Amino acid sequence: MYKYNIYIGMFDKDTKTQVLSNTEFLNRVRKVMRLHGIDNYTIYKCKGHYKHTDGTIICEPTINVEYIHEYTLNQIHNLRFNLCKELNQESVLITKQSIEVL
């Protein structure tokens, strides 16, 4: 089994400000997770520091979506693509950790 952490900054990539309300942002995340068959996850709010491709460094409200699943690399790339598209993100960080579920 694997534990995935998805880190998503809440600022829009074009305006570099928060365009969506917290509720709308989370609703869109839930929509994408549902589309990918991920029904069990935990969302944490945190602060993220990010350097855009244009060199701009920002500190922004960020969410970490944590879930346990078995996913192929192709499924992970599709999930990242859909999150970026739905939330107008330059990138989304996804980490994968091997775990033992007891």
PDB file of N, CA and C in Angstrom:
ATOM      1  N   MET A   1       0.841  -1.180   0.000  1.00  0.00           N
ATOM      2  CA  MET A   1       0.000   0.000   0.000  1.00  0.00           C
ATOM      3  C   MET A   1       0.888   1.245   0.000  1.00  0.00           C
ATOM      4  N   TYR A   2       0.317   2.335  -0.499  1.00  0.00           N
ATOM      5  CA  TYR A   2       1.046   3.596  -0.552  1.00  0.00           C
ATOM      6  C   TYR A   2       0.218   4.721   0.032  1.00  0.00           C
ATOM      7  N   LYS A   3       0.914   5.668   0.656  1.00  0.00           N
ATOM      8  CA  LYS A   3       0.280   6.895   1.130  1.00  0.00           C
ATOM      9  C   LYS A   3       0.726   8.008   0.192  1.00  0.00           C
ATOM     10  N   TYR A   4      -0.239   8.731  -0.334  1.00  0.00           N
ATOM     11  CA  TYR A   4       0.029   9.850  -1.222  1.00  0.00           C
ATOM     12  C   TYR A   4      -0.293  11.145  -0.492  1.00  0.00           C
ATOM     13  N   ASN A   5       0.533  12.146  -0.687  1.00  0.00           N
ATOM     14  CA  ASN A   5       0.271  13.501  -0.211  1.00  0.00           C
ATOM     15  C   ASN A   5       0.255  14.414  -1.422  1.00  0.00           C
ATOM     16  N   ILE A   6      -0.829  15.145  -1.560  1.00  0.00           N
ATOM     17  CA  ILE A   6      -0.979  16.092  -2.665  1.00  0.00           C
ATOM     18  C   ILE A   6      -0.964  17.494  -2.063  1.00  0.00           C
ATOM     19  N   TYR A   7      -0.007  18.298  -2.489  1.00  0.00           N
ATOM     20  CA  TYR A   7       0.126  19.667  -1.992  1.00  0.00           C
ATOM     21  C   TYR A   7      -0.356  20.623  -3.080  1.00  0.00           C
ATOM     22  N   ILE A   8      -1.391  21.409  -2.741  1.00  0.00           N
ATOM     23  CA  ILE A   8      -2.002  22.312  -3.716  1.00  0.00           C
ATOM     24  C   ILE A   8      -2.079  23.716  -3.118  1.00  0.00           C
ATOM     25  N   GLY A   9      -1.373  24.642  -3.736  1.00  0.00           N
ATOM     26  CA  GLY A   9      -1.479  26.046  -3.328  1.00  0.00           C
ATOM     27  C   GLY A   9      -2.828  26.597  -3.751  1.00  0.00           C
ATOM     28  N   MET A  10      -3.359  27.501  -2.953  1.00  0.00           N
ATOM     29  CA  MET A  10      -4.700  28.008  -3.213  1.00  0.00           C
ATOM     30  C   MET A  10      -4.707  29.293  -4.045  1.00  0.00           C
ATOM     31  N   PHE A  11      -3.527  29.790  -4.426  1.00  0.00           N
ATOM     32  CA  PHE A  11      -3.469  30.978  -5.276  1.00  0.00           C
ATOM     33  C   PHE A  11      -3.615  30.575  -6.739  1.00  0.00           C
ATOM     34  N   ASP A  12      -4.304  31.393  -7.502  1.00  0.00           N
ATOM     35  CA  ASP A  12      -4.437  31.222  -8.937  1.00  0.00           C
ATOM     36  C   ASP A  12      -3.082  31.485  -9.599  1.00  0.00           C
ATOM     37  N   LYS A  13      -2.705  30.670 -10.585  1.00  0.00           N
ATOM     38  CA  LYS A  13      -1.379  30.803 -11.195  1.00  0.00           C
ATOM     39  C   LYS A  13      -1.217  32.100 -11.977  1.00  0.00           C
ATOM     40  N   ASP A  14      -2.294  32.671 -12.470  1.00  0.00           N
ATOM     41  CA  ASP A  14      -2.201  33.885 -13.283  1.00  0.00           C
ATOM     42  C   ASP A  14      -2.205  35.158 -12.437  1.00  0.00           C
ATOM     43  N   THR A  15      -3.083  35.209 -11.445  1.00  0.00           N
ATOM     44  CA  THR A  15      -3.190  36.428 -10.627  1.00  0.00           C
ATOM     45  C   THR A  15      -2.291  36.394  -9.398  1.00  0.00           C
ATOM     46  N   LYS A  16      -1.823  35.193  -9.039  1.00  0.00           N
ATOM     47  CA  LYS A  16      -1.005  34.978  -7.836  1.00  0.00           C
ATOM     48  C   LYS A  16      -1.722  35.481  -6.570  1.00  0.00           C
ATOM     49  N   THR A  17      -3.064  35.356  -6.602  1.00  0.00           N
ATOM     50  CA  THR A  17      -3.909  35.658  -5.448  1.00  0.00           C
ATOM     51  C   THR A  17      -4.946  34.547  -5.339  1.00  0.00           C
ATOM     52  N   GLN A  18      -5.646  34.505  -4.209  1.00  0.00           N
ATOM     53  CA  GLN A  18      -6.693  33.506  -4.030  1.00  0.00           C
ATOM     54  C   GLN A  18      -7.971  34.005  -4.690  1.00  0.00           C
ATOM     55  N   VAL A  19      -8.358  33.364  -5.774  1.00  0.00           N
ATOM     56  CA  VAL A  19      -9.529  33.753  -6.547  1.00  0.00           C
ATOM     57  C   VAL A  19     -10.774  33.022  -6.045  1.00  0.00           C
ATOM     58  N   LEU A  20     -10.634  31.730  -5.723  1.00  0.00           N
ATOM     59  CA  LEU A  20     -11.752  30.923  -5.247  1.00  0.00           C
ATOM     60  C   LEU A  20     -11.858  31.008  -3.730  1.00  0.00           C
ATOM     61  N   SER A  21     -13.074  31.020  -3.222  1.00  0.00           N
ATOM     62  CA  SER A  21     -13.255  30.951  -1.769  1.00  0.00           C
ATOM     63  C   SER A  21     -12.739  29.597  -1.288  1.00  0.00           C
ATOM     64  N   ASN A  22     -12.464  29.496   0.003  1.00  0.00           N
ATOM     65  CA  ASN A  22     -12.012  28.216   0.565  1.00  0.00           C
ATOM     66  C   ASN A  22     -13.001  27.101   0.247  1.00  0.00           C
ATOM     67  N   THR A  23     -14.286  27.386   0.385  1.00  0.00           N
ATOM     68  CA  THR A  23     -15.330  26.389   0.139  1.00  0.00           C
ATOM     69  C   THR A  23     -15.341  25.953  -1.321  1.00  0.00           C
ATOM     70  N   GLU A  24     -15.287  26.904  -2.252  1.00  0.00           N
ATOM     71  CA  GLU A  24     -15.303  26.562  -3.679  1.00  0.00           C
ATOM     72  C   GLU A  24     -14.041  25.781  -4.060  1.00  0.00           C
ATOM     73  N   PHE A  25     -12.900  26.175  -3.508  1.00  0.00           N
ATOM     74  CA  PHE A  25     -11.649  25.477  -3.787  1.00  0.00           C
ATOM     75  C   PHE A  25     -11.752  24.017  -3.338  1.00  0.00           C
ATOM     76  N   LEU A  26     -12.210  23.797  -2.099  1.00  0.00           N
ATOM     77  CA  LEU A  26     -12.342  22.432  -1.582  1.00  0.00           C
ATOM     78  C   LEU A  26     -13.375  21.627  -2.359  1.00  0.00           C
ATOM     79  N   ASN A  27     -14.459  22.265  -2.784  1.00  0.00           N
ATOM     80  CA  ASN A  27     -15.466  21.569  -3.591  1.00  0.00           C
ATOM     81  C   ASN A  27     -14.886  21.100  -4.914  1.00  0.00           C
ATOM     82  N   ARG A  28     -14.025  21.898  -5.511  1.00  0.00           N
ATOM     83  CA  ARG A  28     -13.388  21.503  -6.773  1.00  0.00           C
ATOM     84  C   ARG A  28     -12.381  20.371  -6.557  1.00  0.00           C
ATOM     85  N   VAL A  29     -11.668  20.421  -5.441  1.00  0.00           N
ATOM     86  CA  VAL A  29     -10.748  19.318  -5.117  1.00  0.00           C
ATOM     87  C   VAL A  29     -11.548  18.035  -4.957  1.00  0.00           C
ATOM     88  N   ARG A  30     -12.638  18.103  -4.200  1.00  0.00           N
ATOM     89  CA  ARG A  30     -13.491  16.920  -3.992  1.00  0.00           C
ATOM     90  C   ARG A  30     -14.025  16.370  -5.315  1.00  0.00           C
ATOM     91  N   LYS A  31     -14.401  17.261  -6.217  1.00  0.00           N
ATOM     92  CA  LYS A  31     -14.910  16.860  -7.528  1.00  0.00           C
ATOM     93  C   LYS A  31     -13.857  16.047  -8.290  1.00  0.00           C
ATOM     94  N   VAL A  32     -12.627  16.533  -8.319  1.00  0.00           N
ATOM     95  CA  VAL A  32     -11.554  15.832  -9.031  1.00  0.00           C
ATOM     96  C   VAL A  32     -11.243  14.502  -8.352  1.00  0.00           C
ATOM     97  N   MET A  33     -11.216  14.491  -7.025  1.00  0.00           N
ATOM     98  CA  MET A  33     -10.936  13.248  -6.304  1.00  0.00           C
ATOM     99  C   MET A  33     -11.997  12.198  -6.635  1.00  0.00           C
ATOM    100  N   ARG A  34     -13.263  12.615  -6.655  1.00  0.00           N
ATOM    101  CA  ARG A  34     -14.371  11.711  -6.997  1.00  0.00           C
ATOM    102  C   ARG A  34     -14.211  11.157  -8.409  1.00  0.00           C
ATOM    103  N   LEU A  35     -13.844  12.024  -9.349  1.00  0.00           N
ATOM    104  CA  LEU A  35     -13.643  11.607 -10.744  1.00  0.00           C
ATOM    105  C   LEU A  35     -12.572  10.527 -10.869  1.00  0.00           C
ATOM    106  N   HIS A  36     -11.626  10.535  -9.940  1.00  0.00           N
ATOM    107  CA  HIS A  36     -10.535   9.561  -9.965  1.00  0.00           C
ATOM    108  C   HIS A  36     -10.782   8.387  -9.016  1.00  0.00           C
ATOM    109  N   GLY A  37     -12.000   8.294  -8.492  1.00  0.00           N
ATOM    110  CA  GLY A  37     -12.358   7.153  -7.653  1.00  0.00           C
ATOM    111  C   GLY A  37     -11.731   7.164  -6.281  1.00  0.00           C
ATOM    112  N   ILE A  38     -11.335   8.343  -5.809  1.00  0.00           N
ATOM    113  CA  ILE A  38     -10.730   8.460  -4.479  1.00  0.00           C
ATOM    114  C   ILE A  38     -11.790   9.023  -3.549  1.00  0.00           C
ATOM    115  N   ASP A  39     -12.288   8.169  -2.652  1.00  0.00           N
ATOM    116  CA  ASP A  39     -13.385   8.560  -1.767  1.00  0.00           C
ATOM    117  C   ASP A  39     -12.951   8.748  -0.319  1.00  0.00           C
ATOM    118  N   ASN A  40     -11.799   8.218   0.048  1.00  0.00           N
ATOM    119  CA  ASN A  40     -11.342   8.284   1.439  1.00  0.00           C
ATOM    120  C   ASN A  40     -10.030   9.049   1.493  1.00  0.00           C
ATOM    121  N   TYR A  41     -10.064  10.225   2.091  1.00  0.00           N
ATOM    122  CA  TYR A  41      -8.864  11.053   2.187  1.00  0.00           C
ATOM    123  C   TYR A  41      -9.030  12.053   3.320  1.00  0.00           C
ATOM    124  N   THR A  42      -7.931  12.675   3.674  1.00  0.00           N
ATOM    125  CA  THR A  42      -7.919  13.697   4.715  1.00  0.00           C
ATOM    126  C   THR A  42      -7.311  14.955   4.124  1.00  0.00           C
ATOM    127  N   ILE A  43      -7.896  16.107   4.447  1.00  0.00           N
ATOM    128  CA  ILE A  43      -7.381  17.381   3.954  1.00  0.00           C
ATOM    129  C   ILE A  43      -6.870  18.202   5.142  1.00  0.00           C
ATOM    130  N   TYR A  44      -5.640  18.668   5.013  1.00  0.00           N
ATOM    131  CA  TYR A  44      -5.023  19.536   6.008  1.00  0.00           C
ATOM    132  C   TYR A  44      -4.787  20.906   5.381  1.00  0.00           C
ATOM    133  N   LYS A  45      -4.960  21.952   6.157  1.00  0.00           N
ATOM    134  CA  LYS A  45      -4.626  23.291   5.688  1.00  0.00           C
ATOM    135  C   LYS A  45      -3.246  23.649   6.232  1.00  0.00           C
ATOM    136  N   CYS A  46      -2.430  24.254   5.385  1.00  0.00           N
ATOM    137  CA  CYS A  46      -1.078  24.641   5.796  1.00  0.00           C
ATOM    138  C   CYS A  46      -0.643  25.862   4.983  1.00  0.00           C
ATOM    139  N   LYS A  47       0.602  26.270   5.119  1.00  0.00           N
ATOM    140  CA  LYS A  47       1.180  27.371   4.337  1.00  0.00           C
ATOM    141  C   LYS A  47       2.244  26.792   3.434  1.00  0.00           C
ATOM    142  N   GLY A  48       2.258  27.211   2.195  1.00  0.00           N
ATOM    143  CA  GLY A  48       3.254  26.731   1.247  1.00  0.00           C
ATOM    144  C   GLY A  48       4.080  27.880   0.705  1.00  0.00           C
ATOM    145  N   HIS A  49       5.314  27.594   0.412  1.00  0.00           N
ATOM    146  CA  HIS A  49       6.215  28.568  -0.215  1.00  0.00           C
ATOM    147  C   HIS A  49       6.570  28.002  -1.577  1.00  0.00           C
ATOM    148  N   TYR A  50       6.447  28.827  -2.608  1.00  0.00           N
ATOM    149  CA  TYR A  50       6.557  28.324  -3.961  1.00  0.00           C
ATOM    150  C   TYR A  50       7.251  29.339  -4.852  1.00  0.00           C
ATOM    151  N   LYS A  51       8.096  28.844  -5.756  1.00  0.00           N
ATOM    152  CA  LYS A  51       8.754  29.695  -6.740  1.00  0.00           C
ATOM    153  C   LYS A  51       8.152  29.396  -8.111  1.00  0.00           C
ATOM    154  N   HIS A  52       7.485  30.389  -8.687  1.00  0.00           N
ATOM    155  CA  HIS A  52       6.879  30.248 -10.015  1.00  0.00           C
ATOM    156  C   HIS A  52       7.962  30.161 -11.081  1.00  0.00           C
ATOM    157  N   THR A  53       7.576  29.702 -12.259  1.00  0.00           N
ATOM    158  CA  THR A  53       8.536  29.594 -13.355  1.00  0.00           C
ATOM    159  C   THR A  53       9.081  30.959 -13.775  1.00  0.00           C
ATOM    160  N   ASP A  54       8.335  32.041 -13.478  1.00  0.00           N
ATOM    161  CA  ASP A  54       8.830  33.387 -13.802  1.00  0.00           C
ATOM    162  C   ASP A  54       9.760  33.938 -12.719  1.00  0.00           C
ATOM    163  N   GLY A  55      10.007  33.125 -11.660  1.00  0.00           N
ATOM    164  CA  GLY A  55      10.920  33.532 -10.599  1.00  0.00           C
ATOM    165  C   GLY A  55      10.254  34.158  -9.382  1.00  0.00           C
ATOM    166  N   THR A  56       8.969  34.468  -9.480  1.00  0.00           N
ATOM    167  CA  THR A  56       8.237  35.048  -8.354  1.00  0.00           C
ATOM    168  C   THR A  56       8.134  34.031  -7.225  1.00  0.00           C
ATOM    169  N   ILE A  57       8.502  34.456  -6.014  1.00  0.00           N
ATOM    170  CA  ILE A  57       8.389  33.584  -4.839  1.00  0.00           C
ATOM    171  C   ILE A  57       7.210  34.065  -4.010  1.00  0.00           C
ATOM    172  N   ILE A  58       6.338  33.125  -3.662  1.00  0.00           N
ATOM    173  CA  ILE A  58       5.150  33.487  -2.879  1.00  0.00           C
ATOM    174  C   ILE A  58       4.978  32.538  -1.697  1.00  0.00           C
ATOM    175  N   CYS A  59       4.282  33.033  -0.697  1.00  0.00           N
ATOM    176  CA  CYS A  59       3.831  32.221   0.439  1.00  0.00           C
ATOM    177  C   CYS A  59       2.310  32.247   0.333  1.00  0.00           C
ATOM    178  N   GLU A  60       1.707  31.060   0.294  1.00  0.00           N
ATOM    179  CA  GLU A  60       0.269  31.017   0.056  1.00  0.00           C
ATOM    180  C   GLU A  60      -0.413  29.964   0.916  1.00  0.00           C
ATOM    181  N   PRO A  61      -1.708  30.161   1.180  1.00  0.00           N
ATOM    182  CA  PRO A  61      -2.463  29.102   1.844  1.00  0.00           C
ATOM    183  C   PRO A  61      -2.437  27.875   0.941  1.00  0.00           C
ATOM    184  N   THR A  62      -2.259  26.723   1.538  1.00  0.00           N
ATOM    185  CA  THR A  62      -2.078  25.478   0.798  1.00  0.00           C
ATOM    186  C   THR A  62      -2.883  24.386   1.481  1.00  0.00           C
ATOM    187  N   ILE A  63      -3.328  23.419   0.700  1.00  0.00           N
ATOM    188  CA  ILE A  63      -3.941  22.244   1.304  1.00  0.00           C
ATOM    189  C   ILE A  63      -3.094  21.022   0.977  1.00  0.00           C
ATOM    190  N   ASN A  64      -3.111  20.082   1.887  1.00  0.00           N
ATOM    191  CA  ASN A  64      -2.453  18.790   1.715  1.00  0.00           C
ATOM    192  C   ASN A  64      -3.555  17.744   1.768  1.00  0.00           C
ATOM    193  N   VAL A  65      -3.726  17.035   0.660  1.00  0.00           N
ATOM    194  CA  VAL A  65      -4.702  15.952   0.607  1.00  0.00           C
ATOM    195  C   VAL A  65      -3.926  14.655   0.776  1.00  0.00           C
ATOM    196  N   GLU A  66      -4.276  13.892   1.803  1.00  0.00           N
ATOM    197  CA  GLU A  66      -3.568  12.645   2.110  1.00  0.00           C
ATOM    198  C   GLU A  66      -4.529  11.480   1.929  1.00  0.00           C
ATOM    199  N   TYR A  67      -4.072  10.459   1.180  1.00  0.00           N
ATOM    200  CA  TYR A  67      -4.909   9.277   1.004  1.00  0.00           C
ATOM    201  C   TYR A  67      -4.041   8.045   0.829  1.00  0.00           C
ATOM    202  N   ILE A  68      -4.637   6.887   1.074  1.00  0.00           N
ATOM    203  CA  ILE A  68      -3.946   5.603   0.961  1.00  0.00           C
ATOM    204  C   ILE A  68      -4.600   4.826  -0.169  1.00  0.00           C
ATOM    205  N   HIS A  69      -3.769   4.346  -1.099  1.00  0.00           N
ATOM    206  CA  HIS A  69      -4.310   3.698  -2.293  1.00  0.00           C
ATOM    207  C   HIS A  69      -3.184   2.993  -3.033  1.00  0.00           C
ATOM    208  N   GLU A  70      -3.508   2.252  -4.045  1.00  0.00           N
ATOM    209  CA  GLU A  70      -2.550   1.677  -4.992  1.00  0.00           C
ATOM    210  C   GLU A  70      -2.845   2.327  -6.340  1.00  0.00           C
ATOM    211  N   TYR A  71      -1.980   3.173  -6.814  1.00  0.00           N
ATOM    212  CA  TYR A  71      -2.188   3.876  -8.076  1.00  0.00           C
ATOM    213  C   TYR A  71      -1.002   3.660  -8.998  1.00  0.00           C
ATOM    214  N   THR A  72      -1.263   3.623 -10.306  1.00  0.00           N
ATOM    215  CA  THR A  72      -0.176   3.549 -11.278  1.00  0.00           C
ATOM    216  C   THR A  72       0.362   4.959 -11.513  1.00  0.00           C
ATOM    217  N   LEU A  73       1.559   5.045 -12.053  1.00  0.00           N
ATOM    218  CA  LEU A  73       2.155   6.345 -12.345  1.00  0.00           C
ATOM    219  C   LEU A  73       1.291   7.132 -13.325  1.00  0.00           C
ATOM    220  N   ASN A  74       0.698   6.458 -14.288  1.00  0.00           N
ATOM    221  CA  ASN A  74      -0.181   7.120 -15.257  1.00  0.00           C
ATOM    222  C   ASN A  74      -1.407   7.727 -14.557  1.00  0.00           C
ATOM    223  N   GLN A  75      -1.980   7.014 -13.596  1.00  0.00           N
ATOM    224  CA  GLN A  75      -3.133   7.535 -12.848  1.00  0.00           C
ATOM    225  C   GLN A  75      -2.747   8.771 -12.037  1.00  0.00           C
ATOM    226  N   ILE A  76      -1.540   8.754 -11.470  1.00  0.00           N
ATOM    227  CA  ILE A  76      -1.056   9.905 -10.694  1.00  0.00           C
ATOM    228  C   ILE A  76      -0.884  11.119 -11.612  1.00  0.00           C
ATOM    229  N   HIS A  77      -0.302  10.916 -12.788  1.00  0.00           N
ATOM    230  CA  HIS A  77      -0.122  12.022 -13.734  1.00  0.00           C
ATOM    231  C   HIS A  77      -1.473  12.587 -14.173  1.00  0.00           C
ATOM    232  N   ASN A  78      -2.452  11.729 -14.402  1.00  0.00           N
ATOM    233  CA  ASN A  78      -3.797  12.191 -14.776  1.00  0.00           C
ATOM    234  C   ASN A  78      -4.442  12.982 -13.645  1.00  0.00           C
ATOM    235  N   LEU A  79      -4.288  12.510 -12.411  1.00  0.00           N
ATOM    236  CA  LEU A  79      -4.833  13.221 -11.253  1.00  0.00           C
ATOM    237  C   LEU A  79      -4.198  14.600 -11.147  1.00  0.00           C
ATOM    238  N   ARG A  80      -2.871  14.670 -11.249  1.00  0.00           N
ATOM    239  CA  ARG A  80      -2.162  15.960 -11.178  1.00  0.00           C
ATOM    240  C   ARG A  80      -2.641  16.898 -12.287  1.00  0.00           C
ATOM    241  N   PHE A  81      -2.745  16.384 -13.507  1.00  0.00           N
ATOM    242  CA  PHE A  81      -3.192  17.196 -14.635  1.00  0.00           C
ATOM    243  C   PHE A  81      -4.585  17.776 -14.373  1.00  0.00           C
ATOM    244  N   ASN A  82      -5.513  16.933 -13.919  1.00  0.00           N
ATOM    245  CA  ASN A  82      -6.885  17.397 -13.684  1.00  0.00           C
ATOM    246  C   ASN A  82      -6.985  18.390 -12.538  1.00  0.00           C
ATOM    247  N   LEU A  83      -6.182  18.207 -11.487  1.00  0.00           N
ATOM    248  CA  LEU A  83      -6.164  19.180 -10.395  1.00  0.00           C
ATOM    249  C   LEU A  83      -5.634  20.528 -10.887  1.00  0.00           C
ATOM    250  N   CYS A  84      -4.548  20.501 -11.646  1.00  0.00           N
ATOM    251  CA  CYS A  84      -3.979  21.749 -12.177  1.00  0.00           C
ATOM    252  C   CYS A  84      -4.986  22.475 -13.063  1.00  0.00           C
ATOM    253  N   LYS A  85      -5.655  21.728 -13.918  1.00  0.00           N
ATOM    254  CA  LYS A  85      -6.634  22.318 -14.830  1.00  0.00           C
ATOM    255  C   LYS A  85      -7.824  22.898 -14.070  1.00  0.00           C
ATOM    256  N   GLU A  86      -8.388  22.116 -13.160  1.00  0.00           N
ATOM    257  CA  GLU A  86      -9.591  22.529 -12.420  1.00  0.00           C
ATOM    258  C   GLU A  86      -9.328  23.723 -11.511  1.00  0.00           C
ATOM    259  N   LEU A  87      -8.112  23.809 -10.961  1.00  0.00           N
ATOM    260  CA  LEU A  87      -7.799  24.839  -9.969  1.00  0.00           C
ATOM    261  C   LEU A  87      -6.889  25.943 -10.516  1.00  0.00           C
ATOM    262  N   ASN A  88      -6.602  25.905 -11.809  1.00  0.00           N
ATOM    263  CA  ASN A  88      -5.720  26.862 -12.479  1.00  0.00           C
ATOM    264  C   ASN A  88      -4.379  26.993 -11.748  1.00  0.00           C
ATOM    265  N   GLN A  89      -3.704  25.848 -11.616  1.00  0.00           N
ATOM    266  CA  GLN A  89      -2.424  25.774 -10.927  1.00  0.00           C
ATOM    267  C   GLN A  89      -1.286  25.575 -11.925  1.00  0.00           C
ATOM    268  N   GLU A  90      -0.134  26.158 -11.617  1.00  0.00           N
ATOM    269  CA  GLU A  90       1.056  25.925 -12.426  1.00  0.00           C
ATOM    270  C   GLU A  90       1.572  24.506 -12.200  1.00  0.00           C
ATOM    271  N   SER A  91       1.480  24.055 -10.947  1.00  0.00           N
ATOM    272  CA  SER A  91       1.903  22.691 -10.620  1.00  0.00           C
ATOM    273  C   SER A  91       1.228  22.235  -9.329  1.00  0.00           C
ATOM    274  N   VAL A  92       1.240  20.937  -9.134  1.00  0.00           N
ATOM    275  CA  VAL A  92       0.745  20.297  -7.915  1.00  0.00           C
ATOM    276  C   VAL A  92       1.793  19.257  -7.541  1.00  0.00           C
ATOM    277  N   LEU A  93       2.214  19.252  -6.288  1.00  0.00           N
ATOM    278  CA  LEU A  93       3.212  18.291  -5.830  1.00  0.00           C
ATOM    279  C   LEU A  93       2.512  17.066  -5.262  1.00  0.00           C
ATOM    280  N   ILE A  94       2.897  15.890  -5.739  1.00  0.00           N
ATOM    281  CA  ILE A  94       2.367  14.633  -5.208  1.00  0.00           C
ATOM    282  C   ILE A  94       3.546  13.779  -4.766  1.00  0.00           C
ATOM    283  N   THR A  95       3.514  13.355  -3.501  1.00  0.00           N
ATOM    284  CA  THR A  95       4.542  12.448  -2.990  1.00  0.00           C
ATOM    285  C   THR A  95       3.917  11.093  -2.710  1.00  0.00           C
ATOM    286  N   LYS A  96       4.748  10.058  -2.738  1.00  0.00           N
ATOM    287  CA  LYS A  96       4.290   8.683  -2.559  1.00  0.00           C
ATOM    288  C   LYS A  96       5.219   8.002  -1.555  1.00  0.00           C
ATOM    289  N   GLN A  97       4.612   7.360  -0.549  1.00  0.00           N
ATOM    290  CA  GLN A  97       5.385   6.696   0.484  1.00  0.00           C
ATOM    291  C   GLN A  97       4.841   5.291   0.696  1.00  0.00           C
ATOM    292  N   SER A  98       5.712   4.300   0.687  1.00  0.00           N
ATOM    293  CA  SER A  98       5.310   2.929   0.942  1.00  0.00           C
ATOM    294  C   SER A  98       4.972   2.791   2.434  1.00  0.00           C
ATOM    295  N   ILE A  99       3.812   2.191   2.723  1.00  0.00           N
ATOM    296  CA  ILE A  99       3.389   2.018   4.114  1.00  0.00           C
ATOM    297  C   ILE A  99       2.847   0.618   4.327  1.00  0.00           C
ATOM    298  N   GLU A 100       2.748   0.250   5.578  1.00  0.00           N
ATOM    299  CA  GLU A 100       2.100  -1.001   5.952  1.00  0.00           C
ATOM    300  C   GLU A 100       0.826  -0.642   6.702  1.00  0.00           C
ATOM    301  N   VAL A 101      -0.306  -1.111   6.194  1.00  0.00           N
ATOM    302  CA  VAL A 101      -1.595  -0.841   6.821  1.00  0.00           C
ATOM    303  C   VAL A 101      -1.878  -1.990   7.780  1.00  0.00           C
ATOM    304  N   LEU A 102      -2.152  -1.650   9.023  1.00  0.00           N
ATOM    305  CA  LEU A 102      -2.396  -2.665  10.044  1.00  0.00           C
ATOM    306  C   LEU A 102      -3.873  -2.846  10.310  1.00  0.00           C
TER     307      LEU A 102
END
